Amino acid sequence: MLLADLKVKIFADGADMAGIRELNRNPLIKGFTTNPTLMAKAGISDYEGFCRGLVAEIPDKPVSFEVFADDLVEMERQARLIGSWGANVYVKLPITTTGGEFIGPLVSKLAGEGFRLNITALTTLEQVEAVTPCLEGTPGSYVSIFAGRIADTGLDPVPILSAALDVMSVNPGLELIWASPRELLNVFQADAIGCHVITATHDILKKLPLIGKDLTQYSLETVKMFYTDGQAAGFRL
């Protein structure tokens, strides 16, 4: 399959503004997401300034910014502020607090008021079943399952995401995100099951030109790499 044939939308996940600008020029990239961890790693100290700057750069594609509070009252305050930054902004809310408290009541409240949400950090079908009714009435929201983290535990995430699509189908305003992919193959897996969106870090997206590459040629390039690196290192036997 060629990239042009994909139905799944590819969102770039990161906090490097230069990389975001570059990816925004790629017609394959349909939206952007970030989170507090990525922003901290990028050395960002002005959370609101960075987010508002990104919206100014990209006002015409979905962008998701996450709250970083840990109680429902402060989460709501931050969510309302973030949601005011642009019509294309989706507010990311973790599925629970750090204490495991389900945030369903807050999701219901914000969705009912017309906020676009991105419910994140899900790993189980039970979480999808719990949050889907809370998103009733949303003008458009995402449910983000961390498929890569599921795979890290030795489980196949595909059956979970496939079942999630069935659960979410009762609400036409919802789209499923395949989050935290580990390789480009995941893009095609997500597409095959009808997943709406897949997020990918900038490092993974740099591999997009490899799709469709001749494997024999790739093998030869690998052999040349080993030889060149061995010569450059000055190895002797």
Protein backbone atom coordinates (compact mmCIF):
# COMPACT_ATOMS: atom_id res chain seq x y z
CA MET A 1 0.00 0.00 0.00
CA LEU A 2 1.17 3.53 -0.78
CA LEU A 3 1.00 6.42 1.66
CA ALA A 4 -1.46 8.17 -0.65
CA ASP A 5 -3.89 5.27 -0.18
CA LEU A 6 -4.03 5.54 3.61
CA LYS A 7 -7.31 6.56 5.20
CA VAL A 8 -5.88 6.91 8.71
CA LYS A 9 -4.83 10.48 9.52
CA ILE A 10 -1.25 10.98 10.70
CA PHE A 11 -0.70 13.46 13.53
CA ALA A 12 2.79 14.56 14.57
CA ASP A 13 3.54 14.22 18.28
CA GLY A 14 6.24 16.50 19.65
CA ALA A 15 7.26 19.89 21.01
CA ASP A 16 10.11 20.99 18.77
CA MET A 17 8.80 24.07 16.97
CA ALA A 18 11.29 23.85 14.12
CA GLY A 19 10.29 20.23 13.54
CA ILE A 20 6.62 21.14 13.75
CA ARG A 21 7.05 23.84 11.10
CA GLU A 22 8.82 21.40 8.82
CA LEU A 23 6.19 18.67 9.28
CA ASN A 24 3.39 21.17 8.73
CA ARG A 25 4.65 21.55 5.17
CA ASN A 26 4.15 17.81 4.59
CA PRO A 27 0.62 17.20 3.25
CA LEU A 28 0.59 13.79 4.94
CA ILE A 29 0.52 15.41 8.39
CA LYS A 30 -3.07 16.26 9.29
CA GLY A 31 -2.69 17.44 12.89
CA PHE A 32 -0.41 17.88 15.89
CA THR A 33 -0.33 16.70 19.49
CA THR A 34 1.98 17.26 22.43
CA ASN A 35 2.04 16.61 26.17
CA PRO A 36 3.80 17.94 29.29
CA THR A 37 6.51 15.28 29.10
CA LEU A 38 7.47 16.13 25.52
CA MET A 39 7.36 19.85 26.29
CA ALA A 40 9.57 19.45 29.36
CA LYS A 41 12.09 17.39 27.37
CA ALA A 42 12.15 20.14 24.74
CA GLY A 43 13.09 22.65 27.43
CA ILE A 44 9.86 24.64 27.22
CA SER A 45 9.22 26.76 30.31
CA ASP A 46 6.38 28.99 29.08
CA TYR A 47 3.57 26.47 28.58
CA GLU A 48 0.90 28.92 27.42
CA GLY A 49 3.32 30.90 25.28
CA PHE A 50 4.44 27.79 23.41
CA CYS A 51 0.88 26.57 22.86
CA ARG A 52 -0.42 29.93 21.67
CA GLY A 53 2.56 30.23 19.36
CA LEU A 54 1.82 26.81 17.86
CA VAL A 55 -1.82 27.77 17.26
CA ALA A 56 -0.67 30.97 15.58
CA GLU A 57 1.60 28.91 13.32
CA ILE A 58 -1.04 26.24 12.63
CA PRO A 59 -4.58 27.62 12.87
CA ASP A 60 -6.10 25.24 10.36
CA LYS A 61 -5.26 21.73 11.66
CA PRO A 62 -6.25 19.98 14.91
CA VAL A 63 -3.82 20.57 17.77
CA SER A 64 -4.04 18.97 21.22
CA PHE A 65 -2.69 20.43 24.45
CA GLU A 66 -2.87 18.62 27.78
CA VAL A 67 -3.80 19.79 31.26
CA PHE A 68 -1.17 19.05 33.90
CA ALA A 69 -3.26 19.33 37.08
CA ASP A 70 -4.17 16.37 39.27
CA ASP A 71 -7.54 17.30 40.75
CA LEU A 72 -10.80 17.80 38.91
CA VAL A 73 -11.29 21.43 39.93
CA GLU A 74 -7.90 22.57 38.66
CA MET A 75 -8.18 20.31 35.62
CA GLU A 76 -11.41 22.07 34.70
CA ARG A 77 -9.84 25.51 35.10
CA GLN A 78 -6.90 24.57 32.90
CA ALA A 79 -9.16 22.86 30.36
CA ARG A 80 -11.29 25.96 29.95
CA LEU A 81 -8.21 28.12 29.49
CA ILE A 82 -6.62 25.77 26.96
CA GLY A 83 -9.88 25.45 25.05
CA SER A 84 -9.99 29.23 24.63
CA TRP A 85 -6.75 29.34 22.65
CA GLY A 86 -8.25 28.48 19.28
CA ALA A 87 -11.12 26.86 17.41
CA ASN A 88 -8.78 24.05 16.32
CA VAL A 89 -7.63 23.26 19.87
CA TYR A 90 -8.50 19.93 21.54
CA VAL A 91 -8.07 19.74 25.30
CA LYS A 92 -6.22 16.63 26.41
CA LEU A 93 -7.43 15.09 29.64
CA PRO A 94 -5.89 11.95 31.18
CA ILE A 95 -8.40 9.16 31.75
CA THR A 96 -7.73 9.28 35.53
CA THR A 97 -5.92 11.34 38.12
CA THR A 98 -2.63 10.01 39.48
CA GLY A 99 -4.68 8.45 42.25
CA GLY A 100 -6.76 6.48 39.75
CA GLU A 101 -9.89 8.64 40.00
CA PHE A 102 -11.93 8.40 36.79
CA ILE A 103 -12.46 11.84 35.27
CA GLY A 104 -15.77 10.95 33.61
CA PRO A 105 -17.84 13.64 35.35
CA LEU A 106 -15.51 16.38 34.12
CA VAL A 107 -15.51 14.91 30.62
CA SER A 108 -19.32 14.91 30.59
CA LYS A 109 -19.45 18.52 31.74
CA LEU A 110 -16.97 19.84 29.20
CA ALA A 111 -18.28 17.75 26.31
CA GLY A 112 -21.80 18.95 27.05
CA GLU A 113 -20.60 22.54 26.84
CA GLY A 114 -19.10 21.99 23.39
CA PHE A 115 -15.42 21.57 24.20
CA ARG A 116 -13.36 19.45 21.85
CA LEU A 117 -11.52 16.90 23.97
CA ASN A 118 -8.75 14.37 23.61
CA ILE A 119 -9.05 11.75 26.34
CA THR A 120 -5.58 10.30 26.69
CA ALA A 121 -3.49 7.56 28.32
CA LEU A 122 -6.06 4.78 27.87
CA THR A 123 -4.80 1.19 27.71
CA THR A 124 -7.90 -0.96 28.27
CA LEU A 125 -11.23 -1.56 26.56
CA GLU A 126 -12.95 -1.05 29.91
CA GLN A 127 -11.68 2.53 29.98
CA VAL A 128 -13.09 3.11 26.50
CA GLU A 129 -16.44 1.69 27.59
CA ALA A 130 -16.45 3.97 30.62
CA VAL A 131 -15.56 7.23 28.88
CA THR A 132 -17.56 6.87 25.65
CA PRO A 133 -20.95 7.70 27.28
CA CYS A 134 -19.34 10.71 28.96
CA LEU A 135 -18.56 12.18 25.54
CA GLU A 136 -22.15 12.26 24.41
CA GLY A 137 -22.95 15.54 22.69
CA THR A 138 -19.35 16.40 21.88
CA PRO A 139 -18.89 18.42 18.68
CA GLY A 140 -15.84 16.26 18.00
CA SER A 141 -13.41 14.52 20.34
CA TYR A 142 -10.66 11.91 20.37
CA VAL A 143 -10.13 8.82 22.50
CA SER A 144 -6.42 8.02 22.61
CA ILE A 145 -5.31 4.44 23.28
CA PHE A 146 -1.59 3.98 23.92
CA ALA A 147 -1.14 1.01 21.62
CA GLY A 148 2.64 1.14 21.86
CA ARG A 149 2.55 0.79 25.61
CA ILE A 150 0.15 -2.13 25.30
CA ALA A 151 2.59 -3.79 22.89
CA ASP A 152 5.45 -3.12 25.33
CA THR A 153 3.74 -5.49 27.78
CA GLY A 154 3.75 -8.31 25.23
CA LEU A 155 0.09 -7.93 24.24
CA ASP A 156 -1.22 -7.33 20.73
CA PRO A 157 -3.01 -3.96 20.78
CA VAL A 158 -4.95 -4.57 17.56
CA PRO A 159 -7.86 -6.53 19.12
CA ILE A 160 -8.26 -3.87 21.81
CA LEU A 161 -8.36 -1.01 19.31
CA SER A 162 -10.69 -2.92 17.00
CA ALA A 163 -13.10 -3.51 19.86
CA ALA A 164 -12.79 0.14 20.90
CA LEU A 165 -13.94 1.22 17.45
CA ASP A 166 -17.09 -0.85 17.92
CA VAL A 167 -17.75 0.67 21.34
CA MET A 168 -17.21 4.22 20.07
CA SER A 169 -19.35 3.76 16.95
CA VAL A 170 -22.46 4.77 18.90
CA ASN A 171 -21.11 8.33 18.97
CA PRO A 172 -20.34 9.75 15.50
CA GLY A 173 -18.50 12.66 17.13
CA LEU A 174 -15.69 10.42 18.37
CA GLU A 175 -12.47 9.40 16.65
CA LEU A 176 -10.00 6.79 17.88
CA ILE A 177 -6.29 7.64 18.10
CA TRP A 178 -3.63 4.92 17.91
CA ALA A 179 -1.09 6.57 20.22
CA SER A 180 2.57 5.85 21.02
CA PRO A 181 3.40 3.78 17.93
CA ARG A 182 6.79 2.10 17.92
CA GLU A 183 7.34 1.73 14.16
CA LEU A 184 5.91 2.79 10.80
CA LEU A 185 4.26 -0.62 10.42
CA ASN A 186 1.79 0.59 13.06
CA VAL A 187 0.50 3.20 10.60
CA PHE A 188 -0.62 0.44 8.25
CA GLN A 189 -2.01 -1.65 11.10
CA ALA A 190 -4.07 1.31 12.28
CA ASP A 191 -5.31 1.93 8.76
CA ALA A 192 -6.27 -1.73 8.30
CA ILE A 193 -8.63 -1.74 11.28
CA GLY A 194 -10.22 1.60 10.42
CA CYS A 195 -8.58 3.64 13.16
CA HIS A 196 -9.20 7.33 12.52
CA VAL A 197 -5.87 8.81 13.65
CA ILE A 198 -2.37 7.69 14.52
CA THR A 199 0.11 9.93 16.31
CA ALA A 200 3.84 9.55 15.77
CA THR A 201 6.93 11.27 17.10
CA HIS A 202 9.15 13.27 14.79
CA ASP A 203 11.79 10.51 14.88
CA ILE A 204 9.33 7.95 13.55
CA LEU A 205 7.99 10.34 10.94
CA LYS A 206 11.52 10.83 9.59
CA LYS A 207 11.25 7.25 8.34
CA LEU A 208 8.29 7.98 6.06
CA PRO A 209 10.51 8.07 2.93
CA LEU A 210 11.41 4.41 3.59
CA ILE A 211 7.89 3.23 2.83
CA GLY A 212 7.89 1.21 -0.36
CA LYS A 213 11.69 1.04 -0.47
CA ASP A 214 13.16 -1.92 -2.40
CA LEU A 215 14.28 -4.43 0.24
CA THR A 216 17.21 -5.75 -1.79
CA GLN A 217 18.53 -2.22 -2.13
CA TYR A 218 17.95 -1.67 1.58
CA SER A 219 19.99 -4.80 2.33
CA LEU A 220 22.85 -3.55 0.15
CA GLU A 221 22.80 -0.15 1.88
CA THR A 222 22.99 -1.93 5.23
CA VAL A 223 25.99 -3.98 4.14
CA LYS A 224 27.73 -0.81 2.91
CA MET A 225 27.00 0.92 6.22
CA PHE A 226 28.63 -1.89 8.22
CA TYR A 227 31.68 -1.88 5.94
CA THR A 228 32.06 1.91 5.95
CA ASP A 229 31.71 2.15 9.73
CA GLY A 230 34.22 -0.67 10.24
CA GLN A 231 36.74 1.07 8.01
CA ALA A 232 36.19 4.45 9.67
CA ALA A 233 36.73 2.89 13.11
CA GLY A 234 40.08 1.46 12.00
CA PHE A 235 39.29 -2.06 13.19
CA ARG A 236 42.04 -4.63 12.69
CA LEU A 237 42.25 -8.37 13.28
